[in-house]
Amino acid sequence: MISLFNLDKSKKYMIVGVKKSGTQSFNRFLLNRGYDVECYEGRFTLSEFYTNHDYSRIPLVIIRDPVERAWSDYNYFKDYDPPVNTNGLDDSIDVSDYEKYLKFWDCIVYKLDDLMLLPDFPKENENTNKKVLTQSKRDEIQNKLGVMN
């Protein structure tokens, strides 16, 4: 894990993490501190981006507890029309399988839990309508993530 303060302000960065992982909050945090950063949520899992990335911008990935991310993502996007996750919770779980995708990127990785300890770290797009994650649902998601790893 590289410290935020090792980022060079003379370089360009891009956030390629997945939604509901703190990407928007981290983007706002870096922009407020004068970093040249752009946020491209979703590129992290798409092969057309990780196989053809020219690295003119250094990729930054924020990871979050995969079970919590899957649950938050599912609850946030399940009622969109058209649906964002056409396969429901399984889509949210697949995107939360960070190990599956990290191997394709030469990137700097941050943990959302660590970022949230930074002074003035914003909370953008908080999922206030999220249902409570029961232990049985947590176990189900964890088991599916275990199968995919």
C-alpha atoms as a PDB file:
ATOM      1  CA  MET A   1       0.000   0.000   0.000  1.00  0.00           C
ATOM      2  CA  ILE A   2       1.461   3.358  -1.048  1.00  0.00           C
ATOM      3  CA  SER A   3       0.832   6.418   1.063  1.00  0.00           C
ATOM      4  CA  LEU A   4      -1.369   9.100  -0.432  1.00  0.00           C
ATOM      5  CA  PHE A   5       1.409  11.525   0.230  1.00  0.00           C
ATOM      6  CA  ASN A   6       3.754   9.654  -2.119  1.00  0.00           C
ATOM      7  CA  LEU A   7       1.596  10.738  -5.057  1.00  0.00           C
ATOM      8  CA  ASP A   8       3.469  13.235  -7.219  1.00  0.00           C
ATOM      9  CA  LYS A   9       1.353  16.287  -8.061  1.00  0.00           C
ATOM     10  CA  SER A  10       3.255  16.716 -11.330  1.00  0.00           C
ATOM     11  CA  LYS A  11       1.830  13.392 -12.607  1.00  0.00           C
ATOM     12  CA  LYS A  12      -1.644  12.567 -13.881  1.00  0.00           C
ATOM     13  CA  TYR A  13      -3.885   9.969 -12.271  1.00  0.00           C
ATOM     14  CA  MET A  14      -7.082   8.147 -13.089  1.00  0.00           C
ATOM     15  CA  ILE A  15      -9.388   6.340 -10.709  1.00  0.00           C
ATOM     16  CA  VAL A  16     -10.518   3.101 -12.326  1.00  0.00           C
ATOM     17  CA  GLY A  17     -12.172   1.396  -9.370  1.00  0.00           C
ATOM     18  CA  VAL A  18     -15.745   0.177  -9.324  1.00  0.00           C
ATOM     19  CA  LYS A  19     -18.835   2.019  -8.142  1.00  0.00           C
ATOM     20  CA  LYS A  20     -19.746   1.885  -4.465  1.00  0.00           C
ATOM     21  CA  SER A  21     -16.073   1.655  -3.464  1.00  0.00           C
ATOM     22  CA  GLY A  22     -15.413   5.289  -2.630  1.00  0.00           C
ATOM     23  CA  THR A  23     -14.245   6.303  -6.100  1.00  0.00           C
ATOM     24  CA  GLN A  24     -16.232   9.554  -6.197  1.00  0.00           C
ATOM     25  CA  SER A  25     -15.158  10.461  -2.677  1.00  0.00           C
ATOM     26  CA  PHE A  26     -11.492   9.813  -3.478  1.00  0.00           C
ATOM     27  CA  ASN A  27     -11.775  11.784  -6.720  1.00  0.00           C
ATOM     28  CA  ARG A  28     -13.211  14.786  -4.843  1.00  0.00           C
ATOM     29  CA  PHE A  29     -10.550  14.442  -2.126  1.00  0.00           C
ATOM     30  CA  LEU A  30      -7.674  14.493  -4.658  1.00  0.00           C
ATOM     31  CA  LEU A  31      -9.145  17.300  -6.755  1.00  0.00           C
ATOM     32  CA  ASN A  32      -9.526  19.426  -3.612  1.00  0.00           C
ATOM     33  CA  ARG A  33      -5.797  18.934  -2.967  1.00  0.00           C
ATOM     34  CA  GLY A  34      -4.659  19.971  -6.439  1.00  0.00           C
ATOM     35  CA  TYR A  35      -4.017  16.580  -8.049  1.00  0.00           C
ATOM     36  CA  ASP A  36      -4.682  16.088 -11.765  1.00  0.00           C
ATOM     37  CA  VAL A  37      -7.134  13.196 -11.531  1.00  0.00           C
ATOM     38  CA  GLU A  38     -10.038  11.862 -13.565  1.00  0.00           C
ATOM     39  CA  CYS A  39     -12.518   9.248 -12.439  1.00  0.00           C
ATOM     40  CA  TYR A  40     -13.455   6.400 -14.789  1.00  0.00           C
ATOM     41  CA  GLU A  41     -15.597   4.097 -12.700  1.00  0.00           C
ATOM     42  CA  GLY A  42     -16.083   0.749 -14.307  1.00  0.00           C
ATOM     43  CA  ARG A  43     -12.928   0.592 -16.405  1.00  0.00           C
ATOM     44  CA  PHE A  44     -11.363  -1.631 -13.770  1.00  0.00           C
ATOM     45  CA  THR A  45     -13.347  -4.710 -14.865  1.00  0.00           C
ATOM     46  CA  LEU A  46     -13.501  -4.090 -18.625  1.00  0.00           C
ATOM     47  CA  SER A  47     -10.858  -5.847 -20.684  1.00  0.00           C
ATOM     48  CA  GLU A  48     -10.910  -3.224 -23.440  1.00  0.00           C
ATOM     49  CA  PHE A  49      -9.505  -0.778 -20.898  1.00  0.00           C
ATOM     50  CA  TYR A  50      -7.063  -2.881 -18.899  1.00  0.00           C
ATOM     51  CA  THR A  51      -5.530  -4.526 -21.990  1.00  0.00           C
ATOM     52  CA  ASN A  52      -5.160  -1.294 -23.975  1.00  0.00           C
ATOM     53  CA  HIS A  53      -4.433   1.262 -21.271  1.00  0.00           C
ATOM     54  CA  ASP A  54      -1.570   3.561 -22.330  1.00  0.00           C
ATOM     55  CA  TYR A  55      -0.728   4.609 -18.755  1.00  0.00           C
ATOM     56  CA  SER A  56      -0.459   8.312 -19.599  1.00  0.00           C
ATOM     57  CA  ARG A  57      -2.454   8.534 -16.380  1.00  0.00           C
ATOM     58  CA  ILE A  58      -1.453   6.358 -13.457  1.00  0.00           C
ATOM     59  CA  PRO A  59      -4.382   4.126 -12.455  1.00  0.00           C
ATOM     60  CA  LEU A  60      -5.621   4.273  -8.873  1.00  0.00           C
ATOM     61  CA  VAL A  61      -7.913   1.547  -7.544  1.00  0.00           C
ATOM     62  CA  ILE A  62      -9.889   1.780  -4.324  1.00  0.00           C
ATOM     63  CA  ILE A  63     -10.901  -1.504  -2.784  1.00  0.00           C
ATOM     64  CA  ARG A  64     -13.554  -1.969  -0.164  1.00  0.00           C
ATOM     65  CA  ASP A  65     -14.665  -4.965   1.846  1.00  0.00           C
ATOM     66  CA  PRO A  66     -15.997  -7.055  -1.081  1.00  0.00           C
ATOM     67  CA  VAL A  67     -19.095  -8.279   0.747  1.00  0.00           C
ATOM     68  CA  GLU A  68     -20.061  -4.755   1.824  1.00  0.00           C
ATOM     69  CA  ARG A  69     -19.365  -3.393  -1.672  1.00  0.00           C
ATOM     70  CA  ALA A  70     -21.467  -6.075  -3.365  1.00  0.00           C
ATOM     71  CA  TRP A  71     -24.357  -5.487  -0.979  1.00  0.00           C
ATOM     72  CA  SER A  72     -24.189  -1.699  -1.337  1.00  0.00           C
ATOM     73  CA  ASP A  73     -23.916  -1.914  -5.135  1.00  0.00           C
ATOM     74  CA  TYR A  74     -26.841  -4.308  -5.381  1.00  0.00           C
ATOM     75  CA  ASN A  75     -29.099  -2.196  -3.175  1.00  0.00           C
ATOM     76  CA  TYR A  76     -28.149   1.056  -4.879  1.00  0.00           C
ATOM     77  CA  PHE A  77     -28.641  -0.104  -8.485  1.00  0.00           C
ATOM     78  CA  LYS A  78     -31.282  -2.850  -8.253  1.00  0.00           C
ATOM     79  CA  ASP A  79     -34.231  -0.566  -8.987  1.00  0.00           C
ATOM     80  CA  TYR A  80     -32.776   1.332 -11.945  1.00  0.00           C
ATOM     81  CA  ASP A  81     -34.707   1.169 -15.196  1.00  0.00           C
ATOM     82  CA  PRO A  82     -33.149  -0.354 -17.177  1.00  0.00           C
ATOM     83  CA  PRO A  83     -31.393  -2.433 -14.515  1.00  0.00           C
ATOM     84  CA  VAL A  84     -27.697  -1.754 -14.013  1.00  0.00           C
ATOM     85  CA  ASN A  85     -27.078  -5.272 -12.706  1.00  0.00           C
ATOM     86  CA  THR A  86     -29.095  -7.472 -15.033  1.00  0.00           C
ATOM     87  CA  ASN A  87     -28.078 -10.584 -13.083  1.00  0.00           C
ATOM     88  CA  GLY A  88     -28.929  -9.015  -9.741  1.00  0.00           C
ATOM     89  CA  LEU A  89     -26.702  -9.677  -6.790  1.00  0.00           C
ATOM     90  CA  ASP A  90     -24.446 -11.988  -8.838  1.00  0.00           C
ATOM     91  CA  ASP A  91     -23.302  -9.037 -10.991  1.00  0.00           C
ATOM     92  CA  SER A  92     -22.485  -7.036  -7.869  1.00  0.00           C
ATOM     93  CA  ILE A  93     -20.556  -9.978  -6.447  1.00  0.00           C
ATOM     94  CA  ASP A  94     -18.538 -10.506  -9.630  1.00  0.00           C
ATOM     95  CA  VAL A  95     -17.392  -6.880  -9.717  1.00  0.00           C
ATOM     96  CA  SER A  96     -16.414  -7.166  -6.039  1.00  0.00           C
ATOM     97  CA  ASP A  97     -13.944  -9.951  -6.830  1.00  0.00           C
ATOM     98  CA  TYR A  98     -10.939  -7.596  -6.849  1.00  0.00           C
ATOM     99  CA  GLU A  99      -8.332 -10.347  -7.219  1.00  0.00           C
ATOM    100  CA  LYS A 100      -9.917 -11.370 -10.508  1.00  0.00           C
ATOM    101  CA  TYR A 101      -9.169  -7.941 -12.003  1.00  0.00           C
ATOM    102  CA  LEU A 102      -6.205  -6.496 -10.089  1.00  0.00           C
ATOM    103  CA  LYS A 103      -3.789  -8.843 -11.866  1.00  0.00           C
ATOM    104  CA  PHE A 104      -4.444  -6.978 -15.124  1.00  0.00           C
ATOM    105  CA  TRP A 105      -3.500  -3.530 -13.849  1.00  0.00           C
ATOM    106  CA  ASP A 106      -0.222  -1.877 -12.954  1.00  0.00           C
ATOM    107  CA  CYS A 107      -1.853   0.414 -10.426  1.00  0.00           C
ATOM    108  CA  ILE A 108      -1.739   1.980  -7.001  1.00  0.00           C
ATOM    109  CA  VAL A 109      -4.241   0.369  -4.643  1.00  0.00           C
ATOM    110  CA  TYR A 110      -5.920   2.033  -1.682  1.00  0.00           C
ATOM    111  CA  LYS A 111      -8.288   0.576   0.883  1.00  0.00           C
ATOM    112  CA  LEU A 112     -11.411   2.627   1.457  1.00  0.00           C
ATOM    113  CA  ASP A 113     -11.204   2.000   5.204  1.00  0.00           C
ATOM    114  CA  ASP A 114      -7.748   3.646   5.233  1.00  0.00           C
ATOM    115  CA  LEU A 115      -8.870   6.586   3.096  1.00  0.00           C
ATOM    116  CA  MET A 116     -11.817   7.255   5.378  1.00  0.00           C
ATOM    117  CA  LEU A 117      -9.359   7.922   8.214  1.00  0.00           C
ATOM    118  CA  LEU A 118      -7.829  10.859   6.330  1.00  0.00           C
ATOM    119  CA  PRO A 119      -8.866  14.325   7.534  1.00  0.00           C
ATOM    120  CA  ASP A 120     -11.718  15.806   5.481  1.00  0.00           C
ATOM    121  CA  PHE A 121     -12.254  12.681   3.389  1.00  0.00           C
ATOM    122  CA  PRO A 122     -15.705  13.283   1.828  1.00  0.00           C
ATOM    123  CA  LYS A 123     -18.564  10.805   1.674  1.00  0.00           C
ATOM    124  CA  GLU A 124     -20.086  11.124  -1.781  1.00  0.00           C
ATOM    125  CA  ASN A 125     -23.040   9.024  -2.954  1.00  0.00           C
ATOM    126  CA  GLU A 126     -23.810   7.437   0.393  1.00  0.00           C
ATOM    127  CA  ASN A 127     -26.337   4.617   0.056  1.00  0.00           C
ATOM    128  CA  THR A 128     -28.855   5.617   2.720  1.00  0.00           C
ATOM    129  CA  ASN A 129     -31.573   3.270   1.413  1.00  0.00           C
ATOM    130  CA  LYS A 130     -29.491   0.137   1.804  1.00  0.00           C
ATOM    131  CA  LYS A 131     -31.215  -2.741   3.534  1.00  0.00           C
ATOM    132  CA  VAL A 132     -29.520  -4.346   6.514  1.00  0.00           C
ATOM    133  CA  LEU A 133     -27.046  -7.040   5.548  1.00  0.00           C
ATOM    134  CA  THR A 134     -28.068 -10.111   7.516  1.00  0.00           C
ATOM    135  CA  GLN A 135     -25.541 -12.733   8.540  1.00  0.00           C
ATOM    136  CA  SER A 136     -27.128 -15.295   6.216  1.00  0.00           C
ATOM    137  CA  LYS A 137     -26.876 -12.895   3.242  1.00  0.00           C
ATOM    138  CA  ARG A 138     -23.282 -12.011   4.252  1.00  0.00           C
ATOM    139  CA  ASP A 139     -22.443 -15.735   4.287  1.00  0.00           C
ATOM    140  CA  GLU A 140     -24.103 -16.225   0.891  1.00  0.00           C
ATOM    141  CA  ILE A 141     -22.107 -13.392  -0.679  1.00  0.00           C
ATOM    142  CA  GLN A 142     -18.874 -14.536   0.982  1.00  0.00           C
ATOM    143  CA  ASN A 143     -19.407 -18.068  -0.290  1.00  0.00           C
ATOM    144  CA  LYS A 144     -19.991 -16.832  -3.838  1.00  0.00           C
ATOM    145  CA  LEU A 145     -16.883 -14.651  -3.642  1.00  0.00           C
ATOM    146  CA  GLY A 146     -14.924 -17.652  -2.327  1.00  0.00           C
ATOM    147  CA  VAL A 147     -16.054 -19.742  -5.274  1.00  0.00           C
ATOM    148  CA  MET A 148     -14.891 -17.058  -7.713  1.00  0.00           C
ATOM    149  CA  ASN A 149     -11.477 -16.560  -6.096  1.00  0.00           C
END
